Amino acid sequence: MSTFEQAKEVLKRCFGHDGFRPEQERAIRSIMGKRDVLAVMSTGAGKSLIYQVPAVALGGTTIVASPLVSLMSDQVRKLVELGLHPAFLNNTLSLRAQEKVRNRIKSGEFQILYVAPERLSNPAFLSAIGNLTIPLVAVDEAHCVSQWGQDFRPAYTGIADFIESLPKRPPVIALTATATDKVRRDVSALLGLRNPECVV
């Protein structure tokens, strides 16, 4: 059973920090307790740690849906430097490179996998993750799911279907830097969050 204490140990061992900020702690306690989270935190407030630490503590492969290709490669590079095992799968990779990544996904070697939301309905991707243990799904820039948000992306509306299609529904964390009350309610409903802990 993974606990908050294990998350604290991962924070120190892998990320070199002694403690969480209060809002990070609230979110991570909820995730480790298998509860959904909606986190609205400004850029630079440590949103990424909220899913990266549990991803390592929980084992398996955490899936992160992110719309920003440049951010994916940046995050992966930083995590590799910390000695972790992340990957991204997007169209900046050649078809051959994508196939290599999919084969490595099947072996379960990645702790964190970054993909664009469009990828979550891709048959080759779904086949690659078919036998994985997925302990957590993180949705970055979650306001993109809401038609009330400025950056609406239609593919985000399929994320809930992807989550519900998994053999065992994992906790889900939705992260955004900007969300009005209306957008927050929309995000919760459209992603199918269940009684989420709201960290604002």
C-alpha atoms as a PDB file:
ATOM      1  CA  MET A   1       0.000   0.000   0.000  1.00  0.00           C
ATOM      2  CA  SER A   2       1.528   3.291  -1.072  1.00  0.00           C
ATOM      3  CA  THR A   3       1.267   6.017   1.533  1.00  0.00           C
ATOM      4  CA  PHE A   4       1.960   9.706   1.950  1.00  0.00           C
ATOM      5  CA  GLU A   5       5.124   8.749   3.860  1.00  0.00           C
ATOM      6  CA  GLN A   6       6.385   6.972   0.737  1.00  0.00           C
ATOM      7  CA  ALA A   7       5.649  10.087  -1.287  1.00  0.00           C
ATOM      8  CA  LYS A   8       7.721  12.145   1.170  1.00  0.00           C
ATOM      9  CA  GLU A   9      10.572   9.656   0.841  1.00  0.00           C
ATOM     10  CA  VAL A  10      10.421   9.932  -2.973  1.00  0.00           C
ATOM     11  CA  LEU A  11      10.431  13.743  -2.714  1.00  0.00           C
ATOM     12  CA  LYS A  12      13.680  13.621  -0.728  1.00  0.00           C
ATOM     13  CA  ARG A  13      15.399  10.751  -2.562  1.00  0.00           C
ATOM     14  CA  CYS A  14      14.521  11.649  -6.161  1.00  0.00           C
ATOM     15  CA  PHE A  15      13.819  15.369  -6.134  1.00  0.00           C
ATOM     16  CA  GLY A  16      16.085  16.527  -3.290  1.00  0.00           C
ATOM     17  CA  HIS A  17      13.418  18.460  -1.343  1.00  0.00           C
ATOM     18  CA  ASP A  18      12.760  18.127   2.388  1.00  0.00           C
ATOM     19  CA  GLY A  19       9.069  18.955   2.343  1.00  0.00           C
ATOM     20  CA  PHE A  20       6.038  19.866   0.263  1.00  0.00           C
ATOM     21  CA  ARG A  21       4.380  23.264   0.029  1.00  0.00           C
ATOM     22  CA  PRO A  22       0.969  23.189   1.817  1.00  0.00           C
ATOM     23  CA  GLU A  23      -1.079  22.976  -1.402  1.00  0.00           C
ATOM     24  CA  GLN A  24       1.225  20.277  -2.817  1.00  0.00           C
ATOM     25  CA  GLU A  25       0.829  18.261   0.371  1.00  0.00           C
ATOM     26  CA  ARG A  26      -2.973  18.487   0.263  1.00  0.00           C
ATOM     27  CA  ALA A  27      -3.064  17.337  -3.342  1.00  0.00           C
ATOM     28  CA  ILE A  28      -0.556  14.501  -2.871  1.00  0.00           C
ATOM     29  CA  ARG A  29      -2.250  13.218   0.295  1.00  0.00           C
ATOM     30  CA  SER A  30      -5.459  12.985  -1.724  1.00  0.00           C
ATOM     31  CA  ILE A  31      -3.820  11.183  -4.659  1.00  0.00           C
ATOM     32  CA  MET A  32      -2.060   8.718  -2.356  1.00  0.00           C
ATOM     33  CA  GLY A  33      -5.465   8.152  -0.741  1.00  0.00           C
ATOM     34  CA  LYS A  34      -6.896   7.320  -4.211  1.00  0.00           C
ATOM     35  CA  ARG A  35      -8.933  10.537  -4.452  1.00  0.00           C
ATOM     36  CA  ASP A  36      -9.286  12.710  -7.562  1.00  0.00           C
ATOM     37  CA  VAL A  37      -7.772  16.211  -7.415  1.00  0.00           C
ATOM     38  CA  LEU A  38      -8.409  19.492  -9.237  1.00  0.00           C
ATOM     39  CA  ALA A  39      -5.374  21.739  -8.707  1.00  0.00           C
ATOM     40  CA  VAL A  40      -5.454  25.385  -9.781  1.00  0.00           C
ATOM     41  CA  MET A  41      -1.970  26.761  -9.169  1.00  0.00           C
ATOM     42  CA  SER A  42       0.013  29.507 -10.821  1.00  0.00           C
ATOM     43  CA  THR A  43       2.928  28.703 -13.110  1.00  0.00           C
ATOM     44  CA  GLY A  44       6.052  28.045 -11.039  1.00  0.00           C
ATOM     45  CA  ALA A  45       4.089  26.905  -7.958  1.00  0.00           C
ATOM     46  CA  GLY A  46       5.239  23.293  -8.327  1.00  0.00           C
ATOM     47  CA  LYS A  47       2.265  21.720 -10.114  1.00  0.00           C
ATOM     48  CA  SER A  48       4.366  19.062 -11.859  1.00  0.00           C
ATOM     49  CA  LEU A  49       5.627  17.610  -8.569  1.00  0.00           C
ATOM     50  CA  ILE A  50       2.008  16.920  -7.582  1.00  0.00           C
ATOM     51  CA  TYR A  51       1.822  14.083 -10.113  1.00  0.00           C
ATOM     52  CA  GLN A  52       5.532  13.263 -10.525  1.00  0.00           C
ATOM     53  CA  VAL A  53       6.087  12.301  -6.889  1.00  0.00           C
ATOM     54  CA  PRO A  54       3.029  10.000  -6.649  1.00  0.00           C
ATOM     55  CA  ALA A  55       3.914   8.523 -10.056  1.00  0.00           C
ATOM     56  CA  VAL A  56       7.225   7.287  -8.646  1.00  0.00           C
ATOM     57  CA  ALA A  57       5.767   6.281  -5.268  1.00  0.00           C
ATOM     58  CA  LEU A  58       2.855   4.320  -6.746  1.00  0.00           C
ATOM     59  CA  GLY A  59       4.854   2.285  -9.286  1.00  0.00           C
ATOM     60  CA  GLY A  60       3.473   1.348 -12.692  1.00  0.00           C
ATOM     61  CA  THR A  61       3.160   3.915 -15.497  1.00  0.00           C
ATOM     62  CA  THR A  62       1.443   7.243 -14.860  1.00  0.00           C
ATOM     63  CA  ILE A  63      -0.060   8.805 -17.991  1.00  0.00           C
ATOM     64  CA  VAL A  64       0.109  12.582 -18.379  1.00  0.00           C
ATOM     65  CA  ALA A  65      -2.066  14.217 -21.045  1.00  0.00           C
ATOM     66  CA  SER A  66      -0.460  17.493 -22.062  1.00  0.00           C
ATOM     67  CA  PRO A  67      -1.130  19.773 -25.032  1.00  0.00           C
ATOM     68  CA  LEU A  68       2.326  21.323 -25.096  1.00  0.00           C
ATOM     69  CA  VAL A  69       4.897  19.365 -27.090  1.00  0.00           C
ATOM     70  CA  SER A  70       7.781  21.616 -26.008  1.00  0.00           C
ATOM     71  CA  LEU A  71       6.833  21.123 -22.357  1.00  0.00           C
ATOM     72  CA  MET A  72       6.820  17.325 -22.723  1.00  0.00           C
ATOM     73  CA  SER A  73      10.413  17.112 -23.936  1.00  0.00           C
ATOM     74  CA  ASP A  74      11.495  19.637 -21.302  1.00  0.00           C
ATOM     75  CA  GLN A  75       9.860  17.665 -18.474  1.00  0.00           C
ATOM     76  CA  VAL A  76      11.271  14.376 -19.727  1.00  0.00           C
ATOM     77  CA  ARG A  77      14.786  15.805 -19.948  1.00  0.00           C
ATOM     78  CA  LYS A  78      14.613  17.102 -16.350  1.00  0.00           C
ATOM     79  CA  LEU A  79      13.277  13.796 -15.024  1.00  0.00           C
ATOM     80  CA  VAL A  80      15.973  11.805 -16.841  1.00  0.00           C
ATOM     81  CA  GLU A  81      18.587  14.068 -15.228  1.00  0.00           C
ATOM     82  CA  LEU A  82      17.105  13.081 -11.842  1.00  0.00           C
ATOM     83  CA  GLY A  83      17.589   9.389 -12.703  1.00  0.00           C
ATOM     84  CA  LEU A  84      13.921   8.656 -13.348  1.00  0.00           C
ATOM     85  CA  HIS A  85      12.348   6.804 -16.308  1.00  0.00           C
ATOM     86  CA  PRO A  86       9.963   9.051 -18.253  1.00  0.00           C
ATOM     87  CA  ALA A  87       9.090   9.188 -21.947  1.00  0.00           C
ATOM     88  CA  PHE A  88       6.958  11.160 -24.344  1.00  0.00           C
ATOM     89  CA  LEU A  89       5.107   9.981 -27.400  1.00  0.00           C
ATOM     90  CA  ASN A  90       4.136  12.641 -29.928  1.00  0.00           C
ATOM     91  CA  ASN A  91       4.438  13.619 -33.573  1.00  0.00           C
ATOM     92  CA  THR A  92       7.857  15.237 -33.183  1.00  0.00           C
ATOM     93  CA  LEU A  93       9.174  11.643 -33.209  1.00  0.00           C
ATOM     94  CA  SER A  94       9.592   9.792 -36.502  1.00  0.00           C
ATOM     95  CA  LEU A  95       7.217   6.879 -37.065  1.00  0.00           C
ATOM     96  CA  ARG A  96      10.080   4.493 -36.356  1.00  0.00           C
ATOM     97  CA  ALA A  97      10.959   6.280 -33.117  1.00  0.00           C
ATOM     98  CA  GLN A  98       7.294   6.187 -32.084  1.00  0.00           C
ATOM     99  CA  GLU A  99       7.224   2.435 -32.649  1.00  0.00           C
ATOM    100  CA  LYS A 100      10.355   2.009 -30.515  1.00  0.00           C
ATOM    101  CA  VAL A 101       8.786   4.008 -27.693  1.00  0.00           C
ATOM    102  CA  ARG A 102       5.571   1.955 -27.926  1.00  0.00           C
ATOM    103  CA  ASN A 103       7.578  -1.271 -27.638  1.00  0.00           C
ATOM    104  CA  ARG A 104       9.325   0.068 -24.546  1.00  0.00           C
ATOM    105  CA  ILE A 105       5.956   1.178 -23.111  1.00  0.00           C
ATOM    106  CA  LYS A 106       4.728  -2.421 -23.416  1.00  0.00           C
ATOM    107  CA  SER A 107       7.620  -3.613 -21.256  1.00  0.00           C
ATOM    108  CA  GLY A 108       6.492  -1.263 -18.480  1.00  0.00           C
ATOM    109  CA  GLU A 109       9.850   0.472 -18.128  1.00  0.00           C
ATOM    110  CA  PHE A 110       8.508   4.046 -18.014  1.00  0.00           C
ATOM    111  CA  GLN A 111       7.312   5.601 -14.747  1.00  0.00           C
ATOM    112  CA  ILE A 112       5.743   8.639 -16.421  1.00  0.00           C
ATOM    113  CA  LEU A 113       4.463   8.844 -19.982  1.00  0.00           C
ATOM    114  CA  TYR A 114       3.583  12.188 -21.583  1.00  0.00           C
ATOM    115  CA  VAL A 115       1.146  12.153 -24.494  1.00  0.00           C
ATOM    116  CA  ALA A 116      -1.059  14.640 -26.321  1.00  0.00           C
ATOM    117  CA  PRO A 117      -4.768  14.105 -25.591  1.00  0.00           C
ATOM    118  CA  GLU A 118      -5.333  13.139 -29.244  1.00  0.00           C
ATOM    119  CA  ARG A 119      -3.102  10.097 -28.649  1.00  0.00           C
ATOM    120  CA  LEU A 120      -5.451   8.626 -26.019  1.00  0.00           C
ATOM    121  CA  SER A 121      -7.819   7.323 -28.706  1.00  0.00           C
ATOM    122  CA  ASN A 122      -5.050   6.043 -30.997  1.00  0.00           C
ATOM    123  CA  PRO A 123      -5.363   2.229 -31.460  1.00  0.00           C
ATOM    124  CA  ALA A 124      -1.572   1.649 -31.555  1.00  0.00           C
ATOM    125  CA  PHE A 125      -1.180   3.577 -28.283  1.00  0.00           C
ATOM    126  CA  LEU A 126      -4.088   1.767 -26.618  1.00  0.00           C
ATOM    127  CA  SER A 127      -2.551  -1.536 -27.657  1.00  0.00           C
ATOM    128  CA  ALA A 128       0.833  -0.497 -26.191  1.00  0.00           C
ATOM    129  CA  ILE A 129      -0.647   0.319 -22.766  1.00  0.00           C
ATOM    130  CA  GLY A 130      -3.045  -2.638 -22.766  1.00  0.00           C
ATOM    131  CA  ASN A 131      -1.283  -4.622 -20.049  1.00  0.00           C
ATOM    132  CA  LEU A 132       0.200  -1.781 -18.006  1.00  0.00           C
ATOM    133  CA  THR A 133      -0.595  -0.934 -14.406  1.00  0.00           C
ATOM    134  CA  ILE A 134      -1.732   2.708 -14.589  1.00  0.00           C
ATOM    135  CA  PRO A 135      -1.845   4.094 -11.037  1.00  0.00           C
ATOM    136  CA  LEU A 136      -2.608   7.721 -11.961  1.00  0.00           C
ATOM    137  CA  VAL A 137      -3.802   9.848 -14.884  1.00  0.00           C
ATOM    138  CA  ALA A 138      -2.756  13.509 -14.880  1.00  0.00           C
ATOM    139  CA  VAL A 139      -4.382  16.081 -17.163  1.00  0.00           C
ATOM    140  CA  ASP A 140      -2.188  19.152 -17.596  1.00  0.00           C
ATOM    141  CA  GLU A 141      -3.630  22.463 -18.844  1.00  0.00           C
ATOM    142  CA  ALA A 142      -7.009  20.985 -17.878  1.00  0.00           C
ATOM    143  CA  HIS A 143      -8.883  24.188 -18.728  1.00  0.00           C
ATOM    144  CA  CYS A 144      -8.503  23.079 -22.378  1.00  0.00           C
ATOM    145  CA  VAL A 145     -11.410  20.671 -21.758  1.00  0.00           C
ATOM    146  CA  SER A 146     -13.810  23.545 -21.134  1.00  0.00           C
ATOM    147  CA  GLN A 147     -15.528  25.503 -23.877  1.00  0.00           C
ATOM    148  CA  TRP A 148     -15.585  28.356 -21.369  1.00  0.00           C
ATOM    149  CA  GLY A 149     -11.765  28.365 -21.361  1.00  0.00           C
ATOM    150  CA  GLN A 150      -9.755  30.286 -23.947  1.00  0.00           C
ATOM    151  CA  ASP A 151      -7.688  27.298 -25.107  1.00  0.00           C
ATOM    152  CA  PHE A 152     -10.461  24.771 -25.781  1.00  0.00           C
ATOM    153  CA  ARG A 153      -9.146  21.612 -27.513  1.00  0.00           C
ATOM    154  CA  PRO A 154     -11.769  19.144 -28.754  1.00  0.00           C
ATOM    155  CA  ALA A 155      -9.519  16.124 -28.058  1.00  0.00           C
ATOM    156  CA  TYR A 156      -9.664  16.931 -24.347  1.00  0.00           C
ATOM    157  CA  THR A 157     -13.325  15.945 -24.306  1.00  0.00           C
ATOM    158  CA  GLY A 158     -12.294  12.334 -25.026  1.00  0.00           C
ATOM    159  CA  ILE A 159     -10.108  12.026 -21.919  1.00  0.00           C
ATOM    160  CA  ALA A 160     -13.019  10.936 -19.708  1.00  0.00           C
ATOM    161  CA  ASP A 161     -13.808   8.092 -22.146  1.00  0.00           C
ATOM    162  CA  PHE A 162     -10.176   6.996 -22.024  1.00  0.00           C
ATOM    163  CA  ILE A 163     -10.165   6.972 -18.208  1.00  0.00           C
ATOM    164  CA  GLU A 164     -13.424   5.018 -18.039  1.00  0.00           C
ATOM    165  CA  SER A 165     -12.086   2.480 -20.556  1.00  0.00           C
ATOM    166  CA  LEU A 166      -9.193   1.471 -18.289  1.00  0.00           C
ATOM    167  CA  PRO A 167      -9.635  -1.934 -16.599  1.00  0.00           C
ATOM    168  CA  LYS A 168      -9.295  -0.286 -13.170  1.00  0.00           C
ATOM    169  CA  ARG A 169     -10.069   3.419 -12.848  1.00  0.00           C
ATOM    170  CA  PRO A 170      -7.068   5.200 -11.292  1.00  0.00           C
ATOM    171  CA  PRO A 171      -7.222   8.502  -9.417  1.00  0.00           C
ATOM    172  CA  VAL A 172      -7.189  11.479 -11.784  1.00  0.00           C
ATOM    173  CA  ILE A 173      -5.517  14.826 -11.225  1.00  0.00           C
ATOM    174  CA  ALA A 174      -6.473  17.824 -13.339  1.00  0.00           C
ATOM    175  CA  LEU A 175      -4.000  20.727 -13.280  1.00  0.00           C
ATOM    176  CA  THR A 176      -4.305  24.256 -14.556  1.00  0.00           C
ATOM    177  CA  ALA A 177      -2.875  27.669 -13.804  1.00  0.00           C
ATOM    178  CA  THR A 178      -6.053  29.558 -14.632  1.00  0.00           C
ATOM    179  CA  ALA A 179      -9.652  28.596 -14.058  1.00  0.00           C
ATOM    180  CA  THR A 180     -12.714  30.584 -13.097  1.00  0.00           C
ATOM    181  CA  ASP A 181     -15.365  28.852 -10.971  1.00  0.00           C
ATOM    182  CA  LYS A 182     -17.308  28.125 -14.147  1.00  0.00           C
ATOM    183  CA  VAL A 183     -14.278  26.525 -15.833  1.00  0.00           C
ATOM    184  CA  ARG A 184     -13.486  24.508 -12.691  1.00  0.00           C
ATOM    185  CA  ARG A 185     -17.008  23.068 -12.584  1.00  0.00           C
ATOM    186  CA  ASP A 186     -16.798  22.329 -16.297  1.00  0.00           C
ATOM    187  CA  VAL A 187     -13.413  20.605 -15.970  1.00  0.00           C
ATOM    188  CA  SER A 188     -14.703  18.443 -13.108  1.00  0.00           C
ATOM    189  CA  ALA A 189     -17.790  17.393 -15.038  1.00  0.00           C
ATOM    190  CA  LEU A 190     -16.145  16.845 -18.434  1.00  0.00           C
ATOM    191  CA  LEU A 191     -13.252  14.799 -17.030  1.00  0.00           C
ATOM    192  CA  GLY A 192     -15.626  12.794 -14.835  1.00  0.00           C
ATOM    193  CA  LEU A 193     -13.772  13.698 -11.634  1.00  0.00           C
ATOM    194  CA  ARG A 194     -15.255  11.954  -8.607  1.00  0.00           C
ATOM    195  CA  ASN A 195     -15.626  14.117  -5.498  1.00  0.00           C
ATOM    196  CA  PRO A 196     -12.284  15.829  -6.251  1.00  0.00           C
ATOM    197  CA  GLU A 197     -10.157  17.575  -3.673  1.00  0.00           C
ATOM    198  CA  CYS A 198      -9.958  21.154  -4.981  1.00  0.00           C
ATOM    199  CA  VAL A 199      -6.606  22.786  -4.322  1.00  0.00           C
ATOM    200  CA  VAL A 200      -6.649  26.448  -5.317  1.00  0.00           C
END
